[in-house]
C-alpha atoms as a PDB file:
ATOM      1  CA  MET A   1      17.149  19.641 -19.646  1.00  0.00           C
ATOM      2  CA  GLU A   2      15.502  20.537 -16.102  1.00  0.00           C
ATOM      3  CA  ASN A   3      11.831  19.292 -17.906  1.00  0.00           C
ATOM      4  CA  GLU A   4      13.184  16.212 -18.887  1.00  0.00           C
ATOM      5  CA  GLU A   5      14.711  15.525 -15.507  1.00  0.00           C
ATOM      6  CA  ILE A   6      11.421  16.488 -13.876  1.00  0.00           C
ATOM      7  CA  SER A   7       9.091  14.122 -16.276  1.00  0.00           C
ATOM      8  CA  ASN A   8      11.280  10.861 -15.659  1.00  0.00           C
ATOM      9  CA  LYS A   9      11.310  11.683 -12.027  1.00  0.00           C
ATOM     10  CA  SER A  10       7.145  12.076 -12.112  1.00  0.00           C
ATOM     11  CA  SER A  11       6.691   9.014 -14.394  1.00  0.00           C
ATOM     12  CA  SER A  12       9.465   6.699 -11.834  1.00  0.00           C
ATOM     13  CA  GLN A  13       6.642   7.775  -9.058  1.00  0.00           C
ATOM     14  CA  LYS A  14       3.949   4.974  -8.305  1.00  0.00           C
ATOM     15  CA  ALA A  15       0.557   7.111  -8.703  1.00  0.00           C
ATOM     16  CA  ILE A  16      -1.684   7.716  -5.454  1.00  0.00           C
ATOM     17  CA  LYS A  17      -4.518   5.398  -5.290  1.00  0.00           C
ATOM     18  CA  LEU A  18      -6.587   6.406  -2.224  1.00  0.00           C
ATOM     19  CA  GLU A  19      -8.837   3.354  -0.690  1.00  0.00           C
ATOM     20  CA  THR A  20     -10.795   3.556   2.155  1.00  0.00           C
ATOM     21  CA  CYS A  21     -10.465   0.476   4.957  1.00  0.00           C
ATOM     22  CA  TYR A  22     -12.890  -2.004   5.421  1.00  0.00           C
ATOM     23  CA  LEU A  23     -12.385  -2.444   9.160  1.00  0.00           C
ATOM     24  CA  CYS A  24     -11.260   1.118  10.223  1.00  0.00           C
ATOM     25  CA  ASN A  25     -12.960   3.091   7.609  1.00  0.00           C
ATOM     26  CA  GLN A  26      -9.461   5.199   7.312  1.00  0.00           C
ATOM     27  CA  LYS A  27      -8.119   6.581   3.490  1.00  0.00           C
ATOM     28  CA  PHE A  28      -4.981   5.548   2.676  1.00  0.00           C
ATOM     29  CA  ASP A  29      -2.610   5.188  -0.655  1.00  0.00           C
ATOM     30  CA  VAL A  30      -2.552   1.261  -1.091  1.00  0.00           C
ATOM     31  CA  ASN A  31       0.352   1.671  -3.636  1.00  0.00           C
ATOM     32  CA  LYS A  32       2.491   3.076  -0.503  1.00  0.00           C
ATOM     33  CA  ASP A  33       5.219   0.795   0.404  1.00  0.00           C
ATOM     34  CA  ASP A  34       4.029  -0.509   3.800  1.00  0.00           C
ATOM     35  CA  ASN A  35       1.316  -3.520   4.905  1.00  0.00           C
ATOM     36  CA  ASN A  36      -1.389  -1.689   3.584  1.00  0.00           C
ATOM     37  CA  HIS A  37      -3.157  -4.241   1.131  1.00  0.00           C
ATOM     38  CA  TYR A  38      -6.113  -6.179  -0.278  1.00  0.00           C
ATOM     39  CA  HIS A  39      -7.005  -8.842   2.021  1.00  0.00           C
ATOM     40  CA  TYR A  40      -8.105 -11.720  -0.218  1.00  0.00           C
ATOM     41  CA  GLY A  41      -7.456  -9.964  -2.937  1.00  0.00           C
ATOM     42  CA  LYS A  42     -10.456  -7.954  -3.031  1.00  0.00           C
ATOM     43  CA  TYR A  43     -10.797  -5.910   0.678  1.00  0.00           C
ATOM     44  CA  PRO A  44      -8.803  -2.897   1.185  1.00  0.00           C
ATOM     45  CA  MET A  45      -7.060  -3.042   4.206  1.00  0.00           C
ATOM     46  CA  CYS A  46      -4.523  -0.203   6.345  1.00  0.00           C
ATOM     47  CA  ALA A  47      -0.998  -0.569   7.763  1.00  0.00           C
ATOM     48  CA  ASN A  48      -2.341  -0.275  10.798  1.00  0.00           C
ATOM     49  CA  CYS A  49      -4.997  -2.701  10.529  1.00  0.00           C
ATOM     50  CA  SER A  50      -2.670  -5.102   9.065  1.00  0.00           C
ATOM     51  CA  GLU A  51      -0.367  -4.848  12.100  1.00  0.00           C
ATOM     52  CA  ALA A  52      -3.197  -4.946  14.850  1.00  0.00           C
ATOM     53  CA  TYR A  53      -4.766  -7.921  13.294  1.00  0.00           C
ATOM     54  CA  GLY A  54      -2.320  -9.886  12.260  1.00  0.00           C
ATOM     55  CA  PHE A  55      -2.962  -9.592   8.564  1.00  0.00           C
ATOM     56  CA  PHE A  56       0.301  -9.017   6.094  1.00  0.00           C
ATOM     57  CA  SER A  57       0.053  -8.651   2.195  1.00  0.00           C
ATOM     58  CA  ASN A  58       1.604 -11.245  -0.466  1.00  0.00           C
ATOM     59  CA  LYS A  59       4.699  -9.491  -0.543  1.00  0.00           C
ATOM     60  CA  THR A  60       5.775 -10.170   3.115  1.00  0.00           C
ATOM     61  CA  SER A  61       7.406 -13.574   4.312  1.00  0.00           C
ATOM     62  CA  ILE A  62       6.890 -14.999   7.413  1.00  0.00           C
ATOM     63  CA  THR A  63       9.126 -17.609   8.719  1.00  0.00           C
ATOM     64  CA  SER A  64       8.750 -19.814  11.508  1.00  0.00           C
ATOM     65  CA  CYS A  65      11.645 -20.914  13.465  1.00  0.00           C
END
């Protein structure tokens, strides 16, 4: 019974996909839920650079007042 619960938990988690940011060369997990993303769908960008340079993924919506 415990084995089933453990296998269900592990299957529901996202797999770790390490990428290297094309701006700062920092390694990061692109599947982590933060502002990291593929810029222009091609270039991996970490959350720090996304915030610093003002780039956001398609998941983040920006509304103007």
